[in-house]
Amino acid sequence: MIPLSIFFFLVTLILTFTLINVTHYYIERRHLILVVESALQSASQNLDERSYYLGFNSKNRFSGPSGNERLLLPIDCAKASEEFPKKFRQNWVLNQNLNPGKGQPPLPLITHLSCDGVSLRSTVTARVTLPFPVTFVGVDFFEFMDQSVTVVVGSVVGG
């Protein structure tokens, strides 16, 4: 009876550690998405004034779910591409300072940034340190996990 109790205790302990690691990974992923989205939204505020004042073309128009036509604001891609890394770094450092107990993880890597004039798209890769790495024979497995997120933003007139 005692060996069975020990077995169930170990299984419960392993499942608890696994659940904590998986939860930590998804919380960090959501955090990364929020920081990237915030920086992209801020960078997309750079209005391409020439396109805006000369008029909208068919690229700036789309039909919403209810069938009414919406206009997308033109984005100045050069300014937005220049501003996004700065805003991302500011937001990341600010959020890390708000959570001092987590240590200082390295700044995530911006692997892709594109702009088509009406939307911004970015892919960012980050390394997540798991709270409970798996150790076997003195070697740590699953100490880090890499995650990559892709976020797209655009501005709609009359949202």
N, C-alpha and C. Protein backbone atom coordinates (compact mmCIF):
# COMPACT_ATOMS: atom_id res chain seq x y z
N MET A 1 0.81 -1.20 0.00
CA MET A 1 0.00 0.00 0.00
C MET A 1 0.86 1.27 0.00
N ILE A 2 1.95 1.26 0.76
CA ILE A 2 2.81 2.43 0.83
C ILE A 2 3.50 2.69 -0.52
N PRO A 3 4.04 1.67 -1.24
CA PRO A 3 4.65 1.97 -2.55
C PRO A 3 3.65 2.59 -3.53
N LEU A 4 2.40 2.16 -3.47
CA LEU A 4 1.38 2.73 -4.36
C LEU A 4 1.13 4.20 -4.01
N SER A 5 1.12 4.54 -2.74
CA SER A 5 0.93 5.92 -2.32
C SER A 5 2.11 6.78 -2.77
N ILE A 6 3.32 6.26 -2.64
CA ILE A 6 4.50 6.99 -3.10
C ILE A 6 4.45 7.20 -4.60
N PHE A 7 4.02 6.18 -5.34
CA PHE A 7 3.90 6.29 -6.80
C PHE A 7 2.90 7.39 -7.18
N PHE A 8 1.73 7.39 -6.53
CA PHE A 8 0.73 8.41 -6.84
C PHE A 8 1.22 9.81 -6.46
N PHE A 9 1.95 9.91 -5.35
CA PHE A 9 2.52 11.19 -4.95
C PHE A 9 3.50 11.70 -5.99
N LEU A 10 4.38 10.83 -6.48
CA LEU A 10 5.36 11.23 -7.50
C LEU A 10 4.69 11.63 -8.81
N VAL A 11 3.67 10.89 -9.20
CA VAL A 11 2.93 11.24 -10.43
C VAL A 11 2.27 12.61 -10.27
N THR A 12 1.67 12.84 -9.10
CA THR A 12 1.03 14.13 -8.84
C THR A 12 2.06 15.26 -8.85
N LEU A 13 3.21 15.03 -8.27
CA LEU A 13 4.27 16.02 -8.24
C LEU A 13 4.79 16.34 -9.64
N ILE A 14 5.00 15.32 -10.46
CA ILE A 14 5.47 15.53 -11.83
C ILE A 14 4.43 16.29 -12.65
N LEU A 15 3.17 15.91 -12.49
CA LEU A 15 2.10 16.62 -13.22
C LEU A 15 2.00 18.08 -12.78
N THR A 16 2.19 18.34 -11.50
CA THR A 16 2.14 19.72 -10.99
C THR A 16 3.27 20.55 -11.59
N PHE A 17 4.49 20.02 -11.60
CA PHE A 17 5.62 20.75 -12.18
C PHE A 17 5.41 20.98 -13.67
N THR A 18 4.89 19.99 -14.36
CA THR A 18 4.62 20.13 -15.80
C THR A 18 3.57 21.21 -16.04
N LEU A 19 2.51 21.19 -15.25
CA LEU A 19 1.45 22.20 -15.39
C LEU A 19 1.98 23.60 -15.11
N ILE A 20 2.83 23.75 -14.12
CA ILE A 20 3.41 25.06 -13.81
C ILE A 20 4.29 25.54 -14.98
N ASN A 21 5.10 24.66 -15.55
CA ASN A 21 5.95 25.04 -16.69
C ASN A 21 5.12 25.45 -17.90
N VAL A 22 4.09 24.68 -18.21
CA VAL A 22 3.24 24.99 -19.38
C VAL A 22 2.50 26.31 -19.15
N THR A 23 1.99 26.51 -17.96
CA THR A 23 1.29 27.75 -17.65
C THR A 23 2.23 28.95 -17.75
N HIS A 24 3.43 28.80 -17.22
CA HIS A 24 4.43 29.88 -17.29
C HIS A 24 4.76 30.21 -18.75
N TYR A 25 4.90 29.19 -19.59
CA TYR A 25 5.21 29.41 -21.01
C TYR A 25 4.09 30.22 -21.68
N TYR A 26 2.84 29.86 -21.44
CA TYR A 26 1.74 30.57 -22.10
C TYR A 26 1.53 31.97 -21.54
N ILE A 27 1.81 32.17 -20.26
CA ILE A 27 1.73 33.53 -19.70
C ILE A 27 2.80 34.41 -20.32
N GLU A 28 4.01 33.89 -20.46
CA GLU A 28 5.09 34.66 -21.09
C GLU A 28 4.78 34.93 -22.57
N ARG A 29 4.15 33.97 -23.24
CA ARG A 29 3.77 34.16 -24.65
C ARG A 29 2.75 35.29 -24.77
N ARG A 30 1.76 35.28 -23.89
CA ARG A 30 0.73 36.33 -23.93
C ARG A 30 1.35 37.69 -23.62
N HIS A 31 2.27 37.71 -22.68
CA HIS A 31 2.97 38.95 -22.36
C HIS A 31 3.74 39.47 -23.57
N LEU A 32 4.43 38.59 -24.27
CA LEU A 32 5.17 38.98 -25.47
C LEU A 32 4.23 39.53 -26.54
N ILE A 33 3.10 38.88 -26.74
CA ILE A 33 2.12 39.36 -27.73
C ILE A 33 1.63 40.76 -27.36
N LEU A 34 1.35 41.00 -26.10
CA LEU A 34 0.86 42.32 -25.68
C LEU A 34 1.91 43.41 -25.90
N VAL A 35 3.17 43.10 -25.59
CA VAL A 35 4.23 44.09 -25.77
C VAL A 35 4.44 44.39 -27.26
N VAL A 36 4.45 43.35 -28.09
CA VAL A 36 4.63 43.54 -29.54
C VAL A 36 3.45 44.32 -30.12
N GLU A 37 2.24 43.95 -29.71
CA GLU A 37 1.06 44.64 -30.24
C GLU A 37 1.05 46.11 -29.83
N SER A 38 1.44 46.39 -28.60
CA SER A 38 1.50 47.78 -28.14
C SER A 38 2.50 48.59 -28.96
N ALA A 39 3.67 48.02 -29.19
CA ALA A 39 4.69 48.74 -29.97
C ALA A 39 4.25 48.92 -31.42
N LEU A 40 3.61 47.90 -32.00
CA LEU A 40 3.12 48.03 -33.38
C LEU A 40 2.02 49.07 -33.49
N GLN A 41 1.11 49.08 -32.53
CA GLN A 41 0.03 50.08 -32.56
C GLN A 41 0.61 51.49 -32.47
N SER A 42 1.61 51.65 -31.63
CA SER A 42 2.24 52.96 -31.50
C SER A 42 2.98 53.35 -32.78
N ALA A 43 3.68 52.40 -33.39
CA ALA A 43 4.40 52.69 -34.63
C ALA A 43 3.45 52.94 -35.79
N SER A 44 2.28 52.32 -35.78
CA SER A 44 1.34 52.49 -36.89
C SER A 44 0.65 53.85 -36.86
N GLN A 45 0.88 54.64 -35.82
CA GLN A 45 0.29 55.98 -35.74
C GLN A 45 0.98 56.96 -36.68
N ASN A 46 2.07 56.55 -37.31
CA ASN A 46 2.76 57.41 -38.27
C ASN A 46 1.97 57.45 -39.58
N LEU A 47 1.23 58.49 -39.75
CA LEU A 47 0.35 58.65 -40.90
C LEU A 47 1.15 59.06 -42.13
N ASP A 48 0.89 58.40 -43.24
CA ASP A 48 1.47 58.81 -44.52
C ASP A 48 0.59 59.94 -45.04
N GLU A 49 1.02 61.16 -44.75
CA GLU A 49 0.18 62.33 -45.04
C GLU A 49 -0.06 62.52 -46.53
N ARG A 50 0.91 62.22 -47.35
CA ARG A 50 0.74 62.39 -48.80
C ARG A 50 -0.40 61.51 -49.31
N SER A 51 -0.37 60.22 -48.94
CA SER A 51 -1.45 59.33 -49.38
C SER A 51 -2.78 59.72 -48.76
N TYR A 52 -2.75 60.17 -47.53
CA TYR A 52 -3.98 60.52 -46.83
C TYR A 52 -4.66 61.72 -47.49
N TYR A 53 -3.90 62.75 -47.81
CA TYR A 53 -4.50 63.96 -48.36
C TYR A 53 -4.74 63.88 -49.87
N LEU A 54 -4.00 63.03 -50.58
CA LEU A 54 -4.25 62.88 -52.01
C LEU A 54 -5.44 61.98 -52.29
N GLY A 55 -5.87 61.24 -51.31
CA GLY A 55 -7.04 60.40 -51.49
C GLY A 55 -6.72 58.93 -51.31
N PHE A 56 -7.77 58.20 -51.05
CA PHE A 56 -7.65 56.77 -50.83
C PHE A 56 -7.84 56.04 -52.15
N ASN A 57 -7.14 54.94 -52.31
CA ASN A 57 -7.36 54.11 -53.49
C ASN A 57 -7.99 52.79 -53.06
N SER A 58 -8.11 51.87 -53.98
CA SER A 58 -8.81 50.60 -53.69
C SER A 58 -8.05 49.77 -52.65
N LYS A 59 -6.74 50.00 -52.50
CA LYS A 59 -5.96 49.25 -51.51
C LYS A 59 -6.37 49.63 -50.09
N ASN A 60 -6.90 50.84 -49.92
CA ASN A 60 -7.28 51.34 -48.61
C ASN A 60 -8.73 51.04 -48.25
N ARG A 61 -9.44 50.32 -49.09
CA ARG A 61 -10.85 50.05 -48.82
C ARG A 61 -11.09 48.56 -48.62
N PHE A 62 -11.95 48.25 -47.65
CA PHE A 62 -12.37 46.86 -47.48
C PHE A 62 -13.78 46.85 -46.90
N SER A 63 -14.47 45.75 -47.10
CA SER A 63 -15.82 45.62 -46.57
C SER A 63 -15.78 44.90 -45.24
N GLY A 64 -16.43 45.49 -44.25
CA GLY A 64 -16.50 44.89 -42.92
C GLY A 64 -17.47 43.72 -42.91
N PRO A 65 -17.61 43.06 -41.76
CA PRO A 65 -18.51 41.90 -41.64
C PRO A 65 -19.96 42.24 -41.92
N SER A 66 -20.36 43.48 -41.63
CA SER A 66 -21.76 43.86 -41.87
C SER A 66 -21.99 44.35 -43.29
N GLY A 67 -20.93 44.37 -44.12
CA GLY A 67 -21.08 44.76 -45.52
C GLY A 67 -20.79 46.21 -45.80
N ASN A 68 -20.70 47.05 -44.75
CA ASN A 68 -20.39 48.45 -45.01
C ASN A 68 -18.89 48.64 -45.21
N GLU A 69 -18.57 49.59 -46.07
CA GLU A 69 -17.18 49.81 -46.46
C GLU A 69 -16.42 50.59 -45.39
N ARG A 70 -15.20 50.16 -45.15
CA ARG A 70 -14.32 50.83 -44.19
C ARG A 70 -13.05 51.30 -44.91
N LEU A 71 -12.42 52.32 -44.36
CA LEU A 71 -11.18 52.84 -44.91
C LEU A 71 -10.03 52.54 -43.95
N LEU A 72 -8.91 52.11 -44.51
CA LEU A 72 -7.70 51.89 -43.73
C LEU A 72 -6.82 53.12 -43.88
N LEU A 73 -6.30 53.62 -42.77
CA LEU A 73 -5.42 54.78 -42.83
C LEU A 73 -4.06 54.36 -43.39
N PRO A 74 -3.49 55.17 -44.28
CA PRO A 74 -2.16 54.85 -44.82
C PRO A 74 -1.07 55.08 -43.78
N ILE A 75 -0.12 54.15 -43.70
CA ILE A 75 0.97 54.21 -42.73
C ILE A 75 2.26 54.60 -43.45
N ASP A 76 3.01 55.50 -42.85
CA ASP A 76 4.34 55.85 -43.37
C ASP A 76 5.28 54.73 -42.94
N CYS A 77 5.58 53.83 -43.86
CA CYS A 77 6.34 52.61 -43.54
C CYS A 77 7.76 52.91 -43.06
N ALA A 78 8.40 53.93 -43.63
CA ALA A 78 9.77 54.24 -43.22
C ALA A 78 9.82 54.68 -41.76
N LYS A 79 8.92 55.58 -41.38
CA LYS A 79 8.90 56.05 -39.99
C LYS A 79 8.46 54.94 -39.04
N ALA A 80 7.47 54.16 -39.46
CA ALA A 80 6.98 53.07 -38.60
C ALA A 80 8.05 52.01 -38.38
N SER A 81 8.80 51.69 -39.44
CA SER A 81 9.87 50.69 -39.31
C SER A 81 11.00 51.19 -38.43
N GLU A 82 11.20 52.48 -38.42
CA GLU A 82 12.23 53.08 -37.57
C GLU A 82 11.77 53.16 -36.11
N GLU A 83 10.48 53.42 -35.91
CA GLU A 83 9.96 53.64 -34.57
C GLU A 83 9.65 52.34 -33.82
N PHE A 84 9.26 51.29 -34.55
CA PHE A 84 8.85 50.05 -33.88
C PHE A 84 9.92 49.46 -32.96
N PRO A 85 11.18 49.30 -33.40
CA PRO A 85 12.17 48.72 -32.48
C PRO A 85 12.38 49.57 -31.22
N LYS A 86 12.31 50.89 -31.36
CA LYS A 86 12.46 51.76 -30.19
C LYS A 86 11.31 51.57 -29.21
N LYS A 87 10.09 51.58 -29.74
CA LYS A 87 8.91 51.42 -28.89
C LYS A 87 8.89 50.03 -28.25
N PHE A 88 9.29 49.01 -29.01
CA PHE A 88 9.32 47.65 -28.47
C PHE A 88 10.31 47.57 -27.31
N ARG A 89 11.48 48.13 -27.49
CA ARG A 89 12.50 48.11 -26.43
C ARG A 89 11.99 48.85 -25.19
N GLN A 90 11.37 50.03 -25.39
CA GLN A 90 10.83 50.80 -24.25
C GLN A 90 9.76 50.01 -23.51
N ASN A 91 8.83 49.42 -24.25
CA ASN A 91 7.74 48.66 -23.62
C ASN A 91 8.27 47.43 -22.89
N TRP A 92 9.26 46.75 -23.49
CA TRP A 92 9.80 45.54 -22.87
C TRP A 92 10.51 45.89 -21.56
N VAL A 93 11.34 46.93 -21.59
CA VAL A 93 12.07 47.34 -20.38
C VAL A 93 11.11 47.82 -19.32
N LEU A 94 10.08 48.59 -19.71
CA LEU A 94 9.09 49.08 -18.76
C LEU A 94 8.38 47.91 -18.08
N ASN A 95 7.96 46.91 -18.85
CA ASN A 95 7.26 45.76 -18.28
C ASN A 95 8.18 44.93 -17.40
N GLN A 96 9.46 44.84 -17.74
CA GLN A 96 10.40 44.09 -16.89
C GLN A 96 10.63 44.83 -15.58
N ASN A 97 10.63 46.16 -15.61
CA ASN A 97 10.80 46.94 -14.38
C ASN A 97 9.58 46.84 -13.48
N LEU A 98 8.41 46.60 -14.06
CA LEU A 98 7.20 46.43 -13.25
C LEU A 98 7.16 45.07 -12.57
N ASN A 99 7.94 44.11 -13.05
CA ASN A 99 8.00 42.76 -12.48
C ASN A 99 9.43 42.45 -12.05
N PRO A 100 9.91 43.07 -10.97
CA PRO A 100 11.33 42.94 -10.63
C PRO A 100 11.74 41.54 -10.16
N GLY A 101 10.83 40.74 -9.68
CA GLY A 101 11.19 39.42 -9.16
C GLY A 101 11.55 38.41 -10.24
N LYS A 102 11.30 38.72 -11.48
CA LYS A 102 11.52 37.76 -12.56
C LYS A 102 12.96 37.74 -13.06
N GLY A 103 13.81 38.66 -12.60
CA GLY A 103 15.15 38.75 -13.16
C GLY A 103 15.09 39.55 -14.45
N GLN A 104 16.19 39.61 -15.16
CA GLN A 104 16.23 40.36 -16.41
C GLN A 104 16.47 39.41 -17.57
N PRO A 105 15.41 38.92 -18.21
CA PRO A 105 15.61 38.08 -19.39
C PRO A 105 16.14 38.92 -20.54
N PRO A 106 16.82 38.28 -21.48
CA PRO A 106 17.36 39.04 -22.61
C PRO A 106 16.24 39.63 -23.47
N LEU A 107 16.56 40.72 -24.13
CA LEU A 107 15.59 41.37 -25.02
C LEU A 107 15.25 40.44 -26.17
N PRO A 108 13.97 40.22 -26.44
CA PRO A 108 13.60 39.36 -27.57
C PRO A 108 14.12 39.91 -28.90
N LEU A 109 14.26 39.02 -29.86
CA LEU A 109 14.82 39.35 -31.16
C LEU A 109 13.70 39.62 -32.16
N ILE A 110 13.76 40.76 -32.83
CA ILE A 110 12.79 41.08 -33.88
C ILE A 110 13.30 40.40 -35.15
N THR A 111 12.64 39.32 -35.55
CA THR A 111 13.12 38.54 -36.70
C THR A 111 12.53 39.00 -38.02
N HIS A 112 11.39 39.69 -37.98
CA HIS A 112 10.75 40.13 -39.22
C HIS A 112 9.89 41.36 -38.94
N LEU A 113 9.96 42.33 -39.84
CA LEU A 113 9.11 43.51 -39.76
C LEU A 113 8.77 43.92 -41.18
N SER A 114 7.48 43.98 -41.49
CA SER A 114 7.09 44.38 -42.84
C SER A 114 5.91 45.35 -42.76
N CYS A 115 5.81 46.16 -43.79
CA CYS A 115 4.75 47.16 -43.88
C CYS A 115 4.29 47.21 -45.32
N ASP A 116 2.98 47.17 -45.53
CA ASP A 116 2.47 47.25 -46.90
C ASP A 116 1.73 48.56 -47.17
N GLY A 117 1.87 49.51 -46.28
CA GLY A 117 1.22 50.80 -46.47
C GLY A 117 -0.06 50.97 -45.68
N VAL A 118 -0.72 49.87 -45.34
CA VAL A 118 -1.96 49.96 -44.54
C VAL A 118 -1.90 49.08 -43.29
N SER A 119 -0.89 48.22 -43.19
CA SER A 119 -0.76 47.38 -42.00
C SER A 119 0.72 47.11 -41.71
N LEU A 120 0.99 46.84 -40.44
CA LEU A 120 2.33 46.48 -39.99
C LEU A 120 2.30 45.04 -39.50
N ARG A 121 3.34 44.28 -39.83
CA ARG A 121 3.44 42.88 -39.40
C ARG A 121 4.83 42.68 -38.81
N SER A 122 4.88 42.04 -37.65
CA SER A 122 6.18 41.78 -37.02
C SER A 122 6.19 40.38 -36.41
N THR A 123 7.34 39.73 -36.52
CA THR A 123 7.56 38.44 -35.86
C THR A 123 8.71 38.65 -34.87
N VAL A 124 8.47 38.25 -33.64
CA VAL A 124 9.45 38.42 -32.56
C VAL A 124 9.68 37.07 -31.90
N THR A 125 10.95 36.77 -31.63
CA THR A 125 11.32 35.52 -30.98
C THR A 125 11.93 35.81 -29.62
N ALA A 126 11.48 35.08 -28.60
CA ALA A 126 11.98 35.28 -27.24
C ALA A 126 12.32 33.93 -26.62
N ARG A 127 13.22 33.97 -25.66
CA ARG A 127 13.60 32.76 -24.92
C ARG A 127 12.96 32.83 -23.54
N VAL A 128 12.24 31.77 -23.18
CA VAL A 128 11.55 31.70 -21.90
C VAL A 128 12.31 30.75 -20.99
N THR A 129 12.65 31.21 -19.79
CA THR A 129 13.27 30.36 -18.78
C THR A 129 12.16 29.72 -17.96
N LEU A 130 12.11 28.41 -17.95
CA LEU A 130 11.06 27.70 -17.23
C LEU A 130 11.38 27.65 -15.73
N PRO A 131 10.36 27.72 -14.87
CA PRO A 131 10.61 27.71 -13.43
C PRO A 131 11.15 26.37 -12.91
N PHE A 132 10.77 25.27 -13.54
CA PHE A 132 11.21 23.95 -13.10
C PHE A 132 11.82 23.19 -14.26
N PRO A 133 13.13 23.36 -14.50
CA PRO A 133 13.76 22.59 -15.58
C PRO A 133 13.82 21.11 -15.19
N VAL A 134 13.78 20.24 -16.18
CA VAL A 134 13.85 18.81 -15.95
C VAL A 134 15.33 18.42 -15.86
N THR A 135 15.73 17.84 -14.73
CA THR A 135 17.12 17.44 -14.53
C THR A 135 17.19 15.92 -14.49
N PHE A 136 18.08 15.37 -15.30
CA PHE A 136 18.29 13.93 -15.33
C PHE A 136 19.78 13.67 -15.40
N VAL A 137 20.31 12.95 -14.44
CA VAL A 137 21.74 12.62 -14.33
C VAL A 137 22.58 13.91 -14.36
N GLY A 138 22.12 14.93 -13.66
CA GLY A 138 22.89 16.16 -13.56
C GLY A 138 22.83 17.08 -14.76
N VAL A 139 22.05 16.73 -15.77
CA VAL A 139 21.94 17.56 -16.97
C VAL A 139 20.53 18.15 -17.02
N ASP A 140 20.44 19.47 -17.22
CA ASP A 140 19.14 20.14 -17.30
C ASP A 140 18.57 20.03 -18.71
N PHE A 141 17.34 19.54 -18.78
CA PHE A 141 16.58 19.51 -20.03
C PHE A 141 15.42 20.48 -19.87
N PHE A 142 15.00 21.07 -20.95
CA PHE A 142 13.87 22.00 -20.95
C PHE A 142 14.07 23.12 -19.93
N GLU A 143 15.29 23.64 -19.87
CA GLU A 143 15.55 24.79 -19.01
C GLU A 143 15.05 26.06 -19.71
N PHE A 144 15.22 26.11 -21.03
CA PHE A 144 14.75 27.24 -21.83
C PHE A 144 13.84 26.70 -22.92
N MET A 145 12.90 27.54 -23.34
CA MET A 145 12.08 27.25 -24.51
C MET A 145 11.99 28.52 -25.33
N ASP A 146 12.15 28.39 -26.64
CA ASP A 146 12.03 29.54 -27.53
C ASP A 146 10.60 29.63 -28.04
N GLN A 147 10.11 30.84 -28.13
CA GLN A 147 8.77 31.05 -28.67
C GLN A 147 8.83 32.19 -29.67
N SER A 148 7.95 32.11 -30.66
CA SER A 148 7.89 33.11 -31.71
C SER A 148 6.44 33.53 -31.89
N VAL A 149 6.20 34.84 -31.95
CA VAL A 149 4.86 35.35 -32.17
C VAL A 149 4.86 36.29 -33.37
N THR A 150 3.77 36.28 -34.10
CA THR A 150 3.57 37.18 -35.23
C THR A 150 2.31 38.00 -34.96
N VAL A 151 2.43 39.31 -35.06
CA VAL A 151 1.31 40.22 -34.78
C VAL A 151 1.16 41.16 -35.97
N VAL A 152 -0.10 41.42 -36.36
CA VAL A 152 -0.41 42.34 -37.46
C VAL A 152 -1.38 43.40 -36.94
N VAL A 153 -1.10 44.67 -37.25
CA VAL A 153 -2.01 45.75 -36.87
C VAL A 153 -2.24 46.67 -38.07
N GLY A 154 -3.35 47.37 -38.02
CA GLY A 154 -3.71 48.36 -39.03
C GLY A 154 -4.69 49.35 -38.40
N SER A 155 -4.92 50.48 -39.04
CA SER A 155 -5.82 51.50 -38.52
C SER A 155 -7.04 51.62 -39.43
N VAL A 156 -8.21 51.52 -38.84
CA VAL A 156 -9.46 51.59 -39.57
C VAL A 156 -10.14 52.92 -39.27
N VAL A 157 -10.57 53.63 -40.30
CA VAL A 157 -11.33 54.86 -40.13
C VAL A 157 -12.77 54.49 -39.86
N GLY A 158 -13.34 55.06 -38.83
CA GLY A 158 -14.75 54.81 -38.51
C GLY A 158 -14.97 53.43 -37.92
N GLY A 159 -13.93 52.86 -37.30
CA GLY A 159 -13.84 51.55 -36.66
C GLY A 159 -15.08 50.91 -36.31
